[in-house]
Structure formats: C-alpha cells, structure tokens
Amino acid sequence: MGLPPGWITAPAHRFTPNQQITALGNGVVPLQALTALALSMT
C-alpha cells in the first residue's frame, strides 16, 4: 500500500526476512502519510 512492489523485498536486495522487517520498521508508507496530512488539514 503506497510503496512499489519489491521496495524492500526484491531478490536483488538480498535481504533476509528479518532484515526486511527491520528495514521497514514502523515506517509510514507515503499513502498513509498523505492521508494523515489531508485529514489533519480539514
């Protein structure tokens, strides 16, 4: 949702599943951020 396919999970990155989870962390994807900003301005 909001990030292109393979952003972290593409085989070319060679991340383990644990590294993928760490890289994503509790990050907010762009679509969520845009929605939050739009709602906060209404």
C-alpha atoms as a PDB file:
ATOM      1  CA  MET A   1       0.000   0.000   0.000  1.00  0.00           C
ATOM      2  CA  GLY A   2       1.795   3.055  -1.222  1.00  0.00           C
ATOM      3  CA  LEU A   3       5.228   1.561  -1.931  1.00  0.00           C
ATOM      4  CA  PRO A   4       6.214  -0.007  -5.235  1.00  0.00           C
ATOM      5  CA  PRO A   5       6.430  -3.814  -5.347  1.00  0.00           C
ATOM      6  CA  GLY A   6       9.843  -5.040  -4.300  1.00  0.00           C
ATOM      7  CA  TRP A   7      10.744  -1.842  -2.432  1.00  0.00           C
ATOM      8  CA  ILE A   8      12.412  -3.956   0.256  1.00  0.00           C
ATOM      9  CA  THR A   9      11.562  -7.497  -0.828  1.00  0.00           C
ATOM     10  CA  ALA A  10      13.162  -7.618  -4.291  1.00  0.00           C
ATOM     11  CA  PRO A  11      15.591 -10.550  -4.549  1.00  0.00           C
ATOM     12  CA  ALA A  12      18.266  -8.180  -5.884  1.00  0.00           C
ATOM     13  CA  HIS A  13      18.466  -6.572  -2.410  1.00  0.00           C
ATOM     14  CA  ARG A  14      19.415  -9.930  -0.880  1.00  0.00           C
ATOM     15  CA  PHE A  15      17.782  -9.051   2.457  1.00  0.00           C
ATOM     16  CA  THR A  16      16.766 -11.848   4.791  1.00  0.00           C
ATOM     17  CA  PRO A  17      13.171 -11.762   6.064  1.00  0.00           C
ATOM     18  CA  ASN A  18      14.409 -10.361   9.389  1.00  0.00           C
ATOM     19  CA  GLN A  19      16.381  -7.632   7.592  1.00  0.00           C
ATOM     20  CA  GLN A  20      13.294  -6.756   5.543  1.00  0.00           C
ATOM     21  CA  ILE A  21      11.220  -6.311   8.692  1.00  0.00           C
ATOM     22  CA  THR A  22      13.970  -4.215  10.280  1.00  0.00           C
ATOM     23  CA  ALA A  23      14.292  -2.031   7.164  1.00  0.00           C
ATOM     24  CA  LEU A  24      10.559  -1.368   7.128  1.00  0.00           C
ATOM     25  CA  GLY A  25      10.366  -0.954  10.892  1.00  0.00           C
ATOM     26  CA  ASN A  26       7.398   1.109  11.968  1.00  0.00           C
ATOM     27  CA  GLY A  27       7.738   3.304   8.909  1.00  0.00           C
ATOM     28  CA  VAL A  28       4.800   5.158   7.477  1.00  0.00           C
ATOM     29  CA  VAL A  29       4.255   4.471   3.826  1.00  0.00           C
ATOM     30  CA  PRO A  30       3.692   7.503   1.578  1.00  0.00           C
ATOM     31  CA  LEU A  31      -0.025   6.839   1.062  1.00  0.00           C
ATOM     32  CA  GLN A  32      -0.625   6.716   4.817  1.00  0.00           C
ATOM     33  CA  ALA A  33       1.344   9.918   5.332  1.00  0.00           C
ATOM     34  CA  LEU A  34      -0.584  11.717   2.614  1.00  0.00           C
ATOM     35  CA  THR A  35      -3.891  10.597   4.097  1.00  0.00           C
ATOM     36  CA  ALA A  36      -2.853  11.691   7.590  1.00  0.00           C
ATOM     37  CA  LEU A  37      -1.815  15.123   6.332  1.00  0.00           C
ATOM     38  CA  ALA A  38      -5.008  15.554   4.332  1.00  0.00           C
ATOM     39  CA  LEU A  39      -7.159  14.612   7.312  1.00  0.00           C
ATOM     40  CA  SER A  40      -5.263  16.896   9.674  1.00  0.00           C
ATOM     41  CA  MET A  41      -5.887  19.893   7.424  1.00  0.00           C
ATOM     42  CA  THR A  42      -9.683  19.526   7.346  1.00  0.00           C
END
